[in-house]
Amino acid sequence: QVQLVESGGGLVQPGGSLTLSCAASGIVFNIEDMAWYRQAPGQQRDEVATIPRLGTATYADSVKDRFTISRDNSENTVYLQMDRLKPEDTAVYYCHIIYRDVGYWGQGTQVTVSS
């Protein structure tokens, strides 16, 4: 019943920007944590940024000062603003939420940073 639909990925040149969106449906109660992860080919899935319902957002050191996570609780949507993108940011980006103590994943969206 709970579904996460991601959008906003694509091809961008180094130094460019993209904004990812993830909208959750089938939500009746409050979502706890909302987060973004990424996974490059042959690598593990790593946390990029997390924003709890209460408290301060946290970021991986590799994206700190370049990425900004935000959420709209009225629309059950989480965003990831990505600025000054680097080739090493290339990966499939996945949305993740914790809802009623259960984790859910989005389908993934490809971000490619290349000249």
N, C-alpha and C. Protein backbone atom coordinates (compact mmCIF):
# COMPACT_ATOMS: atom_id res chain seq x y z
N GLN A 1 0.82 -1.21 0.00
CA GLN A 1 0.00 0.00 0.00
C GLN A 1 0.86 1.26 0.00
N VAL A 2 1.90 1.28 0.84
CA VAL A 2 2.82 2.41 0.84
C VAL A 2 3.71 2.32 -0.39
N GLN A 3 3.81 3.42 -1.13
CA GLN A 3 4.66 3.49 -2.30
C GLN A 3 5.43 4.79 -2.30
N LEU A 4 6.68 4.73 -2.77
CA LEU A 4 7.52 5.91 -2.93
C LEU A 4 7.86 6.06 -4.40
N VAL A 5 7.58 7.21 -4.98
CA VAL A 5 7.83 7.48 -6.38
C VAL A 5 8.84 8.62 -6.49
N GLU A 6 10.00 8.32 -7.11
CA GLU A 6 11.07 9.29 -7.25
C GLU A 6 11.05 9.93 -8.63
N SER A 7 11.56 11.15 -8.71
CA SER A 7 11.70 11.84 -9.98
C SER A 7 12.83 12.85 -9.87
N GLY A 8 13.31 13.32 -11.02
CA GLY A 8 14.28 14.40 -11.05
C GLY A 8 15.69 14.02 -11.48
N GLY A 9 15.97 12.74 -11.65
CA GLY A 9 17.29 12.33 -12.07
C GLY A 9 17.55 12.66 -13.53
N GLY A 10 18.82 12.52 -13.94
CA GLY A 10 19.18 12.80 -15.32
C GLY A 10 20.66 13.00 -15.48
N LEU A 11 21.05 13.51 -16.65
CA LEU A 11 22.43 13.79 -17.00
C LEU A 11 22.72 15.27 -16.79
N VAL A 12 23.82 15.56 -16.10
CA VAL A 12 24.20 16.94 -15.84
C VAL A 12 25.72 17.06 -15.93
N GLN A 13 26.21 18.22 -16.33
CA GLN A 13 27.65 18.45 -16.40
C GLN A 13 28.23 18.75 -15.02
N PRO A 14 29.52 18.46 -14.82
CA PRO A 14 30.15 18.83 -13.55
C PRO A 14 29.93 20.29 -13.22
N GLY A 15 29.64 20.56 -11.95
CA GLY A 15 29.33 21.91 -11.51
C GLY A 15 27.87 22.27 -11.61
N GLY A 16 27.07 21.43 -12.24
CA GLY A 16 25.65 21.70 -12.40
C GLY A 16 24.83 21.29 -11.20
N SER A 17 23.51 21.41 -11.35
CA SER A 17 22.59 21.14 -10.25
C SER A 17 21.43 20.27 -10.70
N LEU A 18 20.89 19.50 -9.77
CA LEU A 18 19.67 18.73 -9.95
C LEU A 18 18.91 18.73 -8.64
N THR A 19 17.59 18.60 -8.73
CA THR A 19 16.76 18.43 -7.54
C THR A 19 15.94 17.16 -7.69
N LEU A 20 16.08 16.25 -6.73
CA LEU A 20 15.33 15.01 -6.70
C LEU A 20 14.11 15.16 -5.80
N SER A 21 13.02 14.49 -6.18
CA SER A 21 11.81 14.47 -5.38
C SER A 21 11.38 13.04 -5.11
N CYS A 22 10.77 12.82 -3.97
CA CYS A 22 10.24 11.50 -3.61
C CYS A 22 8.92 11.71 -2.88
N ALA A 23 7.83 11.26 -3.49
CA ALA A 23 6.50 11.41 -2.93
C ALA A 23 5.98 10.07 -2.43
N ALA A 24 5.52 10.04 -1.20
CA ALA A 24 4.97 8.84 -0.59
C ALA A 24 3.46 8.85 -0.68
N SER A 25 2.88 7.72 -1.04
CA SER A 25 1.43 7.56 -1.06
C SER A 25 1.03 6.44 -0.10
N GLY A 26 -0.25 6.38 0.22
CA GLY A 26 -0.73 5.40 1.18
C GLY A 26 -0.37 5.73 2.61
N ILE A 27 -0.15 7.01 2.89
CA ILE A 27 0.28 7.47 4.20
C ILE A 27 -0.92 8.03 4.96
N VAL A 28 -1.11 7.55 6.19
CA VAL A 28 -2.19 8.03 7.05
C VAL A 28 -1.63 8.73 8.28
N PHE A 29 -0.57 8.18 8.86
CA PHE A 29 0.05 8.75 10.05
C PHE A 29 1.34 9.46 9.68
N ASN A 30 2.04 9.97 10.67
CA ASN A 30 3.26 10.73 10.44
C ASN A 30 4.41 9.82 9.99
N ILE A 31 5.18 10.29 9.02
CA ILE A 31 6.42 9.64 8.64
C ILE A 31 7.51 10.09 9.60
N GLU A 32 8.31 9.15 10.08
CA GLU A 32 9.43 9.49 10.95
C GLU A 32 10.59 9.99 10.09
N ASP A 33 11.64 9.20 9.93
CA ASP A 33 12.78 9.64 9.13
C ASP A 33 12.49 9.58 7.64
N MET A 34 13.04 10.54 6.89
CA MET A 34 13.07 10.51 5.44
C MET A 34 14.53 10.72 5.03
N ALA A 35 14.98 9.97 4.03
CA ALA A 35 16.40 9.97 3.72
C ALA A 35 16.64 9.70 2.24
N TRP A 36 17.85 10.01 1.80
CA TRP A 36 18.35 9.66 0.47
C TRP A 36 19.60 8.82 0.60
N TYR A 37 19.68 7.75 -0.19
CA TYR A 37 20.85 6.91 -0.31
C TYR A 37 21.28 6.89 -1.77
N ARG A 38 22.51 6.44 -2.03
CA ARG A 38 22.95 6.29 -3.41
C ARG A 38 23.84 5.07 -3.54
N GLN A 39 23.86 4.50 -4.74
CA GLN A 39 24.62 3.29 -5.01
C GLN A 39 25.19 3.36 -6.42
N ALA A 40 26.52 3.32 -6.52
CA ALA A 40 27.20 3.26 -7.79
C ALA A 40 27.43 1.80 -8.17
N PRO A 41 27.64 1.50 -9.47
CA PRO A 41 27.86 0.11 -9.89
C PRO A 41 29.01 -0.54 -9.14
N GLY A 42 28.79 -1.75 -8.62
CA GLY A 42 29.82 -2.47 -7.91
C GLY A 42 30.09 -1.99 -6.50
N GLN A 43 29.31 -1.03 -6.02
CA GLN A 43 29.51 -0.49 -4.68
C GLN A 43 28.28 -0.70 -3.82
N GLN A 44 28.45 -0.51 -2.53
CA GLN A 44 27.35 -0.64 -1.59
C GLN A 44 26.50 0.63 -1.59
N ARG A 45 25.29 0.47 -1.07
CA ARG A 45 24.38 1.60 -0.95
C ARG A 45 24.73 2.40 0.30
N ASP A 46 25.00 3.69 0.12
CA ASP A 46 25.45 4.55 1.20
C ASP A 46 24.44 5.66 1.47
N GLU A 47 24.32 6.03 2.74
CA GLU A 47 23.46 7.14 3.13
C GLU A 47 24.04 8.45 2.65
N VAL A 48 23.21 9.29 2.07
CA VAL A 48 23.60 10.61 1.60
C VAL A 48 23.15 11.69 2.57
N ALA A 49 21.88 11.67 2.93
CA ALA A 49 21.31 12.67 3.82
C ALA A 49 20.07 12.12 4.47
N THR A 50 19.81 12.53 5.70
CA THR A 50 18.64 12.10 6.45
C THR A 50 18.03 13.30 7.14
N ILE A 51 16.70 13.39 7.12
CA ILE A 51 16.01 14.45 7.83
C ILE A 51 14.90 13.82 8.67
N PRO A 52 15.01 13.90 10.00
CA PRO A 52 13.98 13.34 10.86
C PRO A 52 12.77 14.27 10.93
N ARG A 53 11.66 13.74 11.44
CA ARG A 53 10.49 14.59 11.60
C ARG A 53 10.79 15.71 12.60
N LEU A 54 11.53 15.38 13.64
CA LEU A 54 12.00 16.36 14.62
C LEU A 54 13.51 16.30 14.66
N GLY A 55 14.15 17.45 14.64
CA GLY A 55 15.59 17.49 14.74
C GLY A 55 16.26 18.05 13.50
N THR A 56 17.57 17.84 13.43
CA THR A 56 18.42 18.44 12.42
C THR A 56 18.82 17.43 11.36
N ALA A 57 18.85 17.85 10.11
CA ALA A 57 19.30 17.00 9.02
C ALA A 57 20.77 16.67 9.16
N THR A 58 21.16 15.50 8.69
CA THR A 58 22.56 15.07 8.68
C THR A 58 22.96 14.68 7.27
N TYR A 59 24.26 14.81 6.97
CA TYR A 59 24.78 14.58 5.64
C TYR A 59 26.07 13.76 5.68
N ALA A 60 26.29 12.99 4.63
CA ALA A 60 27.59 12.37 4.44
C ALA A 60 28.63 13.46 4.20
N ASP A 61 29.86 13.22 4.67
CA ASP A 61 30.91 14.22 4.50
C ASP A 61 31.14 14.58 3.03
N SER A 62 30.95 13.61 2.14
CA SER A 62 31.22 13.83 0.73
C SER A 62 30.26 14.80 0.06
N VAL A 63 29.09 15.05 0.67
CA VAL A 63 28.10 15.94 0.06
C VAL A 63 27.79 17.15 0.92
N LYS A 64 28.33 17.19 2.13
CA LYS A 64 28.08 18.32 3.02
C LYS A 64 28.48 19.62 2.34
N ASP A 65 27.66 20.63 2.47
CA ASP A 65 27.84 21.97 1.90
C ASP A 65 27.50 22.04 0.42
N ARG A 66 27.14 20.90 -0.20
CA ARG A 66 26.72 20.90 -1.59
C ARG A 66 25.27 20.45 -1.77
N PHE A 67 24.81 19.53 -0.92
CA PHE A 67 23.45 18.99 -1.01
C PHE A 67 22.61 19.51 0.14
N THR A 68 21.30 19.65 -0.10
CA THR A 68 20.37 20.06 0.94
C THR A 68 19.13 19.18 0.88
N ILE A 69 18.80 18.54 2.00
CA ILE A 69 17.60 17.72 2.09
C ILE A 69 16.51 18.54 2.77
N SER A 70 15.27 18.38 2.30
CA SER A 70 14.13 19.06 2.90
C SER A 70 12.91 18.17 2.76
N ARG A 71 11.87 18.48 3.52
CA ARG A 71 10.65 17.67 3.45
C ARG A 71 9.42 18.55 3.60
N ASP A 72 8.34 18.13 2.96
CA ASP A 72 7.05 18.78 3.05
C ASP A 72 6.11 17.75 3.66
N ASN A 73 5.85 17.87 4.95
CA ASN A 73 5.06 16.87 5.64
C ASN A 73 3.60 16.86 5.20
N SER A 74 3.08 17.99 4.76
CA SER A 74 1.70 18.04 4.29
C SER A 74 1.51 17.26 2.99
N GLU A 75 2.59 17.09 2.21
CA GLU A 75 2.53 16.36 0.95
C GLU A 75 3.28 15.04 1.01
N ASN A 76 3.84 14.69 2.17
CA ASN A 76 4.59 13.45 2.34
C ASN A 76 5.68 13.31 1.28
N THR A 77 6.43 14.39 1.08
CA THR A 77 7.44 14.44 0.04
C THR A 77 8.78 14.89 0.62
N VAL A 78 9.85 14.27 0.15
CA VAL A 78 11.20 14.65 0.53
C VAL A 78 11.97 15.05 -0.73
N TYR A 79 12.82 16.05 -0.61
CA TYR A 79 13.58 16.58 -1.73
C TYR A 79 15.07 16.49 -1.43
N LEU A 80 15.87 16.43 -2.48
CA LEU A 80 17.31 16.53 -2.35
C LEU A 80 17.81 17.52 -3.40
N GLN A 81 18.21 18.69 -2.95
CA GLN A 81 18.81 19.69 -3.83
C GLN A 81 20.30 19.43 -3.93
N MET A 82 20.80 19.20 -5.13
CA MET A 82 22.19 18.86 -5.36
C MET A 82 22.84 19.95 -6.19
N ASP A 83 23.83 20.60 -5.63
CA ASP A 83 24.55 21.69 -6.29
C ASP A 83 26.02 21.34 -6.43
N ARG A 84 26.69 22.00 -7.37
CA ARG A 84 28.12 21.79 -7.61
C ARG A 84 28.44 20.30 -7.74
N LEU A 85 27.70 19.65 -8.61
CA LEU A 85 27.82 18.20 -8.77
C LEU A 85 29.17 17.82 -9.34
N LYS A 86 29.66 16.66 -8.91
CA LYS A 86 30.94 16.11 -9.32
C LYS A 86 30.73 14.75 -9.99
N PRO A 87 31.66 14.31 -10.85
CA PRO A 87 31.52 12.99 -11.46
C PRO A 87 31.35 11.87 -10.43
N GLU A 88 31.98 11.99 -9.27
CA GLU A 88 31.86 10.97 -8.25
C GLU A 88 30.49 10.93 -7.58
N ASP A 89 29.62 11.88 -7.89
CA ASP A 89 28.24 11.83 -7.43
C ASP A 89 27.38 10.91 -8.29
N THR A 90 27.91 10.43 -9.41
CA THR A 90 27.16 9.56 -10.31
C THR A 90 26.75 8.28 -9.58
N ALA A 91 25.45 7.98 -9.58
CA ALA A 91 24.92 6.82 -8.87
C ALA A 91 23.42 6.75 -9.11
N VAL A 92 22.83 5.64 -8.69
CA VAL A 92 21.38 5.56 -8.57
C VAL A 92 21.02 6.05 -7.18
N TYR A 93 20.12 7.00 -7.11
CA TYR A 93 19.70 7.60 -5.85
C TYR A 93 18.36 7.01 -5.43
N TYR A 94 18.28 6.59 -4.17
CA TYR A 94 17.09 5.94 -3.62
C TYR A 94 16.54 6.74 -2.45
N CYS A 95 15.25 6.96 -2.47
CA CYS A 95 14.54 7.54 -1.33
C CYS A 95 14.23 6.44 -0.32
N HIS A 96 14.26 6.77 0.97
CA HIS A 96 13.93 5.82 2.02
C HIS A 96 13.17 6.54 3.12
N ILE A 97 12.11 5.90 3.62
CA ILE A 97 11.37 6.46 4.75
C ILE A 97 11.19 5.40 5.82
N ILE A 98 11.01 5.86 7.04
CA ILE A 98 10.56 5.01 8.14
C ILE A 98 9.17 5.47 8.50
N TYR A 99 8.20 4.55 8.39
CA TYR A 99 6.80 4.85 8.61
C TYR A 99 6.22 3.75 9.47
N ARG A 100 5.74 4.11 10.64
CA ARG A 100 5.20 3.14 11.60
C ARG A 100 6.21 2.02 11.86
N ASP A 101 7.47 2.42 12.06
CA ASP A 101 8.59 1.55 12.41
C ASP A 101 8.96 0.55 11.31
N VAL A 102 8.54 0.83 10.07
CA VAL A 102 8.89 -0.01 8.93
C VAL A 102 9.60 0.83 7.88
N GLY A 103 10.67 0.30 7.29
CA GLY A 103 11.39 0.99 6.25
C GLY A 103 10.85 0.69 4.86
N TYR A 104 10.83 1.71 3.98
CA TYR A 104 10.36 1.57 2.61
C TYR A 104 11.35 2.25 1.68
N TRP A 105 11.54 1.66 0.49
CA TRP A 105 12.46 2.19 -0.52
C TRP A 105 11.73 2.67 -1.76
N GLY A 106 12.23 3.74 -2.36
CA GLY A 106 11.79 4.15 -3.68
C GLY A 106 12.42 3.28 -4.75
N GLN A 107 12.01 3.52 -6.02
CA GLN A 107 12.47 2.66 -7.12
C GLN A 107 13.87 3.01 -7.61
N GLY A 108 14.38 4.15 -7.23
CA GLY A 108 15.69 4.60 -7.66
C GLY A 108 15.61 5.48 -8.89
N THR A 109 16.47 6.49 -8.95
CA THR A 109 16.56 7.36 -10.12
C THR A 109 18.04 7.61 -10.42
N GLN A 110 18.41 7.51 -11.69
CA GLN A 110 19.81 7.62 -12.11
C GLN A 110 20.24 9.08 -12.18
N VAL A 111 21.36 9.38 -11.56
CA VAL A 111 22.03 10.67 -11.68
C VAL A 111 23.40 10.44 -12.29
N THR A 112 23.65 11.06 -13.43
CA THR A 112 24.94 10.93 -14.11
C THR A 112 25.55 12.30 -14.27
N VAL A 113 26.76 12.48 -13.75
CA VAL A 113 27.49 13.74 -13.83
C VAL A 113 28.69 13.52 -14.74
N SER A 114 28.65 14.11 -15.92
CA SER A 114 29.68 13.86 -16.92
C SER A 114 29.72 15.00 -17.92
N SER A 115 30.93 15.28 -18.42
CA SER A 115 31.10 16.28 -19.46
C SER A 115 31.14 15.63 -20.84
